[in-house]
């Protein structure tokens, strides 16, 4: 091997990219479990994730010099997104119970909506009787606490705490996609829209 090739191999940086398609699939699975198990009618849409192209049978993909020097498994350090840990399972149970109870009613009434950053907020407190507003705020606070813990735990469980913001964004989009018609959400500019 020439010294140029050795120098090239020594300078290779292996970047771990955020696996968006895997994250979308994981978010869709988690959200679907919460909404389906709580009795919320799921939207009749797919996750929107593109299916990767499959290689042509009998034909091997071409290999580059780097593929020969650095095994593909080492370079492709992009894990499947792990969403099932004891912590995420406990969060899912709490979220399912919340959606099956008062949170679903708050969404159905339009009093709460999904934010663009993957949380829930009281959108229209005036639509709630005065004596129910503090209880609605408490439910939203509990939900947001679990959402923050969920996004953080998924990033941590996958060995990439720096992915938390991207996981949050992916889940934010997933909650809106899987929600039933009539529920409110914020678009990227912060404007409220009704699905």
C-alpha atoms as a PDB file:
ATOM      1  CA  UNK A   1       0.000   0.000   0.000  1.00  0.00           C
ATOM      2  CA  UNK A   2       1.385   3.394  -0.876  1.00  0.00           C
ATOM      3  CA  UNK A   3       1.980   6.088   1.676  1.00  0.00           C
ATOM      4  CA  UNK A   4      -0.713   8.219  -0.018  1.00  0.00           C
ATOM      5  CA  UNK A   5      -3.304   5.498   0.535  1.00  0.00           C
ATOM      6  CA  UNK A   6      -2.221   5.107   4.153  1.00  0.00           C
ATOM      7  CA  UNK A   7      -2.471   8.861   4.657  1.00  0.00           C
ATOM      8  CA  UNK A   8      -5.944   8.828   3.071  1.00  0.00           C
ATOM      9  CA  UNK A   9      -7.127   6.073   5.403  1.00  0.00           C
ATOM     10  CA  UNK A  10      -5.672   7.895   8.404  1.00  0.00           C
ATOM     11  CA  UNK A  11      -7.692  11.017   7.546  1.00  0.00           C
ATOM     12  CA  UNK A  12     -11.060   9.294   7.169  1.00  0.00           C
ATOM     13  CA  UNK A  13     -13.642  10.626   9.580  1.00  0.00           C
ATOM     14  CA  UNK A  14     -16.641   8.448  10.112  1.00  0.00           C
ATOM     15  CA  UNK A  15     -19.689  10.641  10.536  1.00  0.00           C
ATOM     16  CA  UNK A  16     -22.752   9.216  12.197  1.00  0.00           C
ATOM     17  CA  UNK A  17     -25.682  10.774  10.462  1.00  0.00           C
ATOM     18  CA  UNK A  18     -29.161  11.017  11.907  1.00  0.00           C
ATOM     19  CA  UNK A  19     -31.165   8.123  10.408  1.00  0.00           C
ATOM     20  CA  UNK A  20     -34.285  10.101   9.474  1.00  0.00           C
ATOM     21  CA  UNK A  21     -36.187   7.213   7.865  1.00  0.00           C
ATOM     22  CA  UNK A  22     -35.589   4.958  10.872  1.00  0.00           C
ATOM     23  CA  UNK A  23     -36.601   7.784  13.220  1.00  0.00           C
ATOM     24  CA  UNK A  24     -39.835   8.343  11.289  1.00  0.00           C
ATOM     25  CA  UNK A  25     -40.648   4.657  11.451  1.00  0.00           C
ATOM     26  CA  UNK A  26     -39.918   4.542  15.197  1.00  0.00           C
ATOM     27  CA  UNK A  27     -41.973   7.682  15.866  1.00  0.00           C
ATOM     28  CA  UNK A  28     -44.878   6.327  13.820  1.00  0.00           C
ATOM     29  CA  UNK A  29     -44.778   3.069  15.775  1.00  0.00           C
ATOM     30  CA  UNK A  30     -44.667   4.779  19.186  1.00  0.00           C
ATOM     31  CA  UNK A  31     -47.347   7.351  18.318  1.00  0.00           C
ATOM     32  CA  UNK A  32     -49.551   4.700  16.741  1.00  0.00           C
ATOM     33  CA  UNK A  33     -49.327   2.586  19.888  1.00  0.00           C
ATOM     34  CA  UNK A  34     -50.292   5.540  22.099  1.00  0.00           C
ATOM     35  CA  UNK A  35     -53.182   6.719  19.925  1.00  0.00           C
ATOM     36  CA  UNK A  36     -54.503   3.267  18.981  1.00  0.00           C
ATOM     37  CA  UNK A  37     -54.282   1.871  22.513  1.00  0.00           C
ATOM     38  CA  UNK A  38     -56.015   4.936  23.936  1.00  0.00           C
ATOM     39  CA  UNK A  39     -58.950   4.686  21.525  1.00  0.00           C
ATOM     40  CA  UNK A  40     -58.051   7.678  19.383  1.00  0.00           C
ATOM     41  CA  UNK A  41     -58.949   6.876  15.776  1.00  0.00           C
ATOM     42  CA  UNK A  42     -55.688   6.935  13.802  1.00  0.00           C
ATOM     43  CA  UNK A  43     -55.414   8.939  10.609  1.00  0.00           C
ATOM     44  CA  UNK A  44     -55.526   6.811   7.475  1.00  0.00           C
ATOM     45  CA  UNK A  45     -52.086   7.848   6.307  1.00  0.00           C
ATOM     46  CA  UNK A  46     -48.671   6.242   6.166  1.00  0.00           C
ATOM     47  CA  UNK A  47     -45.721   7.660   7.988  1.00  0.00           C
ATOM     48  CA  UNK A  48     -44.525   9.371   4.833  1.00  0.00           C
ATOM     49  CA  UNK A  49     -41.187   7.613   5.114  1.00  0.00           C
ATOM     50  CA  UNK A  50     -39.684   6.622   1.814  1.00  0.00           C
ATOM     51  CA  UNK A  51     -38.766   3.000   1.306  1.00  0.00           C
ATOM     52  CA  UNK A  52     -35.111   2.635   0.428  1.00  0.00           C
ATOM     53  CA  UNK A  53     -34.301   1.152  -2.959  1.00  0.00           C
ATOM     54  CA  UNK A  54     -33.365  -2.520  -2.890  1.00  0.00           C
ATOM     55  CA  UNK A  55     -30.374  -3.808  -4.798  1.00  0.00           C
ATOM     56  CA  UNK A  56     -31.011  -5.699  -8.009  1.00  0.00           C
ATOM     57  CA  UNK A  57     -30.987  -9.459  -7.242  1.00  0.00           C
ATOM     58  CA  UNK A  58     -27.782 -11.152  -8.314  1.00  0.00           C
ATOM     59  CA  UNK A  59     -25.883  -7.888  -8.682  1.00  0.00           C
ATOM     60  CA  UNK A  60     -23.552  -6.711  -5.948  1.00  0.00           C
ATOM     61  CA  UNK A  61     -23.211  -2.971  -5.324  1.00  0.00           C
ATOM     62  CA  UNK A  62     -19.835  -1.625  -6.413  1.00  0.00           C
ATOM     63  CA  UNK A  63     -17.225  -1.167  -3.724  1.00  0.00           C
ATOM     64  CA  UNK A  64     -14.837   1.734  -3.468  1.00  0.00           C
ATOM     65  CA  UNK A  65     -11.292   1.660  -2.116  1.00  0.00           C
ATOM     66  CA  UNK A  66     -12.576   2.960   1.239  1.00  0.00           C
ATOM     67  CA  UNK A  67     -15.126   0.138   1.419  1.00  0.00           C
ATOM     68  CA  UNK A  68     -12.273  -2.329   1.111  1.00  0.00           C
ATOM     69  CA  UNK A  69     -10.177  -0.590   3.766  1.00  0.00           C
ATOM     70  CA  UNK A  70     -12.975   0.290   6.217  1.00  0.00           C
ATOM     71  CA  UNK A  71     -15.655  -2.364   6.655  1.00  0.00           C
ATOM     72  CA  UNK A  72     -19.133  -1.137   5.758  1.00  0.00           C
ATOM     73  CA  UNK A  73     -20.491  -2.075   9.175  1.00  0.00           C
ATOM     74  CA  UNK A  74     -17.968   0.206  10.854  1.00  0.00           C
ATOM     75  CA  UNK A  75     -18.607   3.126   8.484  1.00  0.00           C
ATOM     76  CA  UNK A  76     -22.365   2.754   8.615  1.00  0.00           C
ATOM     77  CA  UNK A  77     -22.667   3.271  12.358  1.00  0.00           C
ATOM     78  CA  UNK A  78     -26.292   4.333  11.945  1.00  0.00           C
ATOM     79  CA  UNK A  79     -28.378   2.334  14.395  1.00  0.00           C
ATOM     80  CA  UNK A  80     -31.978   1.424  14.069  1.00  0.00           C
ATOM     81  CA  UNK A  81     -33.758   3.868  16.324  1.00  0.00           C
ATOM     82  CA  UNK A  82     -34.421   2.090  19.606  1.00  0.00           C
ATOM     83  CA  UNK A  83     -37.695   3.227  21.189  1.00  0.00           C
ATOM     84  CA  UNK A  84     -38.331   0.469  23.681  1.00  0.00           C
ATOM     85  CA  UNK A  85     -36.573   0.850  27.001  1.00  0.00           C
ATOM     86  CA  UNK A  86     -38.066   0.512  30.475  1.00  0.00           C
ATOM     87  CA  UNK A  87     -38.239   4.323  30.632  1.00  0.00           C
ATOM     88  CA  UNK A  88     -39.928   4.785  27.230  1.00  0.00           C
ATOM     89  CA  UNK A  89     -42.330   1.920  27.968  1.00  0.00           C
ATOM     90  CA  UNK A  90     -43.388   3.607  31.224  1.00  0.00           C
ATOM     91  CA  UNK A  91     -43.825   6.923  29.392  1.00  0.00           C
ATOM     92  CA  UNK A  92     -45.932   5.222  26.694  1.00  0.00           C
ATOM     93  CA  UNK A  93     -48.231   3.732  29.353  1.00  0.00           C
ATOM     94  CA  UNK A  94     -48.740   7.151  30.996  1.00  0.00           C
ATOM     95  CA  UNK A  95     -49.311   8.891  27.659  1.00  0.00           C
ATOM     96  CA  UNK A  96     -51.783   6.217  26.551  1.00  0.00           C
ATOM     97  CA  UNK A  97     -53.761   6.626  29.775  1.00  0.00           C
ATOM     98  CA  UNK A  98     -53.735  10.408  29.399  1.00  0.00           C
ATOM     99  CA  UNK A  99     -54.934  10.271  25.777  1.00  0.00           C
ATOM    100  CA  UNK A 100     -57.580   7.709  26.707  1.00  0.00           C
ATOM    101  CA  UNK A 101     -58.822  10.065  29.390  1.00  0.00           C
ATOM    102  CA  UNK A 102     -58.973  13.832  29.491  1.00  0.00           C
ATOM    103  CA  UNK A 103     -56.325  14.738  26.915  1.00  0.00           C
ATOM    104  CA  UNK A 104     -58.362  13.283  24.046  1.00  0.00           C
ATOM    105  CA  UNK A 105     -61.375  15.353  25.130  1.00  0.00           C
ATOM    106  CA  UNK A 106     -59.214  18.488  25.283  1.00  0.00           C
ATOM    107  CA  UNK A 107     -57.968  17.860  21.735  1.00  0.00           C
ATOM    108  CA  UNK A 108     -61.473  17.090  20.486  1.00  0.00           C
ATOM    109  CA  UNK A 109     -62.784  20.367  21.938  1.00  0.00           C
ATOM    110  CA  UNK A 110     -59.946  22.357  20.356  1.00  0.00           C
ATOM    111  CA  UNK A 111     -58.760  23.613  23.728  1.00  0.00           C
ATOM    112  CA  UNK A 112     -55.286  22.106  23.230  1.00  0.00           C
ATOM    113  CA  UNK A 113     -53.085  21.510  20.222  1.00  0.00           C
ATOM    114  CA  UNK A 114     -49.710  20.184  19.162  1.00  0.00           C
ATOM    115  CA  UNK A 115     -46.825  22.636  19.033  1.00  0.00           C
ATOM    116  CA  UNK A 116     -44.215  22.680  16.280  1.00  0.00           C
ATOM    117  CA  UNK A 117     -41.602  21.435  18.791  1.00  0.00           C
ATOM    118  CA  UNK A 118     -43.358  18.203  19.747  1.00  0.00           C
ATOM    119  CA  UNK A 119     -45.257  19.380  22.798  1.00  0.00           C
ATOM    120  CA  UNK A 120     -48.877  20.111  23.693  1.00  0.00           C
ATOM    121  CA  UNK A 121     -50.197  23.504  24.751  1.00  0.00           C
ATOM    122  CA  UNK A 122     -53.484  24.968  25.936  1.00  0.00           C
ATOM    123  CA  UNK A 123     -54.468  26.744  22.745  1.00  0.00           C
ATOM    124  CA  UNK A 124     -57.857  28.159  23.720  1.00  0.00           C
ATOM    125  CA  UNK A 125     -58.371  28.373  27.484  1.00  0.00           C
ATOM    126  CA  UNK A 126     -61.559  30.364  26.862  1.00  0.00           C
ATOM    127  CA  UNK A 127     -63.229  27.256  25.458  1.00  0.00           C
ATOM    128  CA  UNK A 128     -62.910  25.572  28.854  1.00  0.00           C
ATOM    129  CA  UNK A 129     -65.107  26.247  31.873  1.00  0.00           C
ATOM    130  CA  UNK A 130     -63.194  28.299  34.439  1.00  0.00           C
ATOM    131  CA  UNK A 131     -63.170  25.458  36.974  1.00  0.00           C
ATOM    132  CA  UNK A 132     -61.501  23.075  34.440  1.00  0.00           C
ATOM    133  CA  UNK A 133     -58.646  25.328  33.301  1.00  0.00           C
ATOM    134  CA  UNK A 134     -56.197  24.506  36.081  1.00  0.00           C
ATOM    135  CA  UNK A 135     -56.817  20.793  35.584  1.00  0.00           C
ATOM    136  CA  UNK A 136     -56.213  21.170  31.806  1.00  0.00           C
ATOM    137  CA  UNK A 137     -52.966  23.022  32.502  1.00  0.00           C
ATOM    138  CA  UNK A 138     -51.864  20.247  34.879  1.00  0.00           C
ATOM    139  CA  UNK A 139     -52.605  17.555  32.256  1.00  0.00           C
ATOM    140  CA  UNK A 140     -50.672  19.506  29.612  1.00  0.00           C
ATOM    141  CA  UNK A 141     -47.734  19.959  32.023  1.00  0.00           C
ATOM    142  CA  UNK A 142     -47.659  16.208  32.763  1.00  0.00           C
ATOM    143  CA  UNK A 143     -47.838  15.393  29.046  1.00  0.00           C
ATOM    144  CA  UNK A 144     -45.020  17.802  28.194  1.00  0.00           C
ATOM    145  CA  UNK A 145     -42.858  16.465  30.998  1.00  0.00           C
ATOM    146  CA  UNK A 146     -43.267  12.964  29.569  1.00  0.00           C
ATOM    147  CA  UNK A 147     -42.634  14.181  26.014  1.00  0.00           C
ATOM    148  CA  UNK A 148     -39.388  15.898  27.045  1.00  0.00           C
ATOM    149  CA  UNK A 149     -38.289  12.747  28.874  1.00  0.00           C
ATOM    150  CA  UNK A 150     -39.270  10.566  25.885  1.00  0.00           C
ATOM    151  CA  UNK A 151     -37.257  12.511  23.311  1.00  0.00           C
ATOM    152  CA  UNK A 152     -34.259  12.700  25.640  1.00  0.00           C
ATOM    153  CA  UNK A 153     -34.444   8.967  26.498  1.00  0.00           C
ATOM    154  CA  UNK A 154     -34.698   7.864  22.858  1.00  0.00           C
ATOM    155  CA  UNK A 155     -31.609   9.911  21.984  1.00  0.00           C
ATOM    156  CA  UNK A 156     -29.746   8.562  25.024  1.00  0.00           C
ATOM    157  CA  UNK A 157     -30.833   4.939  24.400  1.00  0.00           C
ATOM    158  CA  UNK A 158     -29.405   5.175  20.893  1.00  0.00           C
ATOM    159  CA  UNK A 159     -26.075   6.488  22.168  1.00  0.00           C
ATOM    160  CA  UNK A 160     -26.528   9.908  20.558  1.00  0.00           C
ATOM    161  CA  UNK A 161     -27.851  12.535  22.986  1.00  0.00           C
ATOM    162  CA  UNK A 162     -27.108  15.130  20.286  1.00  0.00           C
ATOM    163  CA  UNK A 163     -30.014  13.681  18.257  1.00  0.00           C
ATOM    164  CA  UNK A 164     -32.627  14.901  20.763  1.00  0.00           C
ATOM    165  CA  UNK A 165     -33.655  17.960  18.705  1.00  0.00           C
ATOM    166  CA  UNK A 166     -33.997  15.878  15.540  1.00  0.00           C
ATOM    167  CA  UNK A 167     -35.993  13.200  17.356  1.00  0.00           C
ATOM    168  CA  UNK A 168     -38.253  15.922  18.780  1.00  0.00           C
ATOM    169  CA  UNK A 169     -38.829  17.345  15.283  1.00  0.00           C
ATOM    170  CA  UNK A 170     -39.577  13.905  13.834  1.00  0.00           C
ATOM    171  CA  UNK A 171     -42.058  13.153  16.615  1.00  0.00           C
ATOM    172  CA  UNK A 172     -43.679  16.593  16.252  1.00  0.00           C
ATOM    173  CA  UNK A 173     -44.418  15.838  12.610  1.00  0.00           C
ATOM    174  CA  UNK A 174     -45.594  12.333  13.485  1.00  0.00           C
ATOM    175  CA  UNK A 175     -48.092  13.483  16.124  1.00  0.00           C
ATOM    176  CA  UNK A 176     -49.728  15.766  13.567  1.00  0.00           C
ATOM    177  CA  UNK A 177     -49.753  13.133  10.817  1.00  0.00           C
ATOM    178  CA  UNK A 178     -51.336  10.494  13.053  1.00  0.00           C
ATOM    179  CA  UNK A 179     -53.869  12.781  14.750  1.00  0.00           C
ATOM    180  CA  UNK A 180     -57.527  12.636  13.758  1.00  0.00           C
ATOM    181  CA  UNK A 181     -59.184  15.360  11.685  1.00  0.00           C
ATOM    182  CA  UNK A 182     -60.284  18.379  13.691  1.00  0.00           C
ATOM    183  CA  UNK A 183     -57.309  18.496  16.048  1.00  0.00           C
ATOM    184  CA  UNK A 184     -55.192  21.647  16.124  1.00  0.00           C
ATOM    185  CA  UNK A 185     -51.470  21.979  15.503  1.00  0.00           C
ATOM    186  CA  UNK A 186     -48.928  24.732  14.947  1.00  0.00           C
ATOM    187  CA  UNK A 187     -47.134  24.960  11.645  1.00  0.00           C
ATOM    188  CA  UNK A 188     -43.433  25.862  11.437  1.00  0.00           C
ATOM    189  CA  UNK A 189     -44.254  29.587  11.667  1.00  0.00           C
ATOM    190  CA  UNK A 190     -46.282  29.075  14.859  1.00  0.00           C
ATOM    191  CA  UNK A 191     -49.686  29.659  13.208  1.00  0.00           C
ATOM    192  CA  UNK A 192     -52.518  27.421  14.394  1.00  0.00           C
ATOM    193  CA  UNK A 193     -54.093  25.103  11.836  1.00  0.00           C
ATOM    194  CA  UNK A 194     -56.899  22.603  12.121  1.00  0.00           C
ATOM    195  CA  UNK A 195     -56.330  19.213  10.613  1.00  0.00           C
END
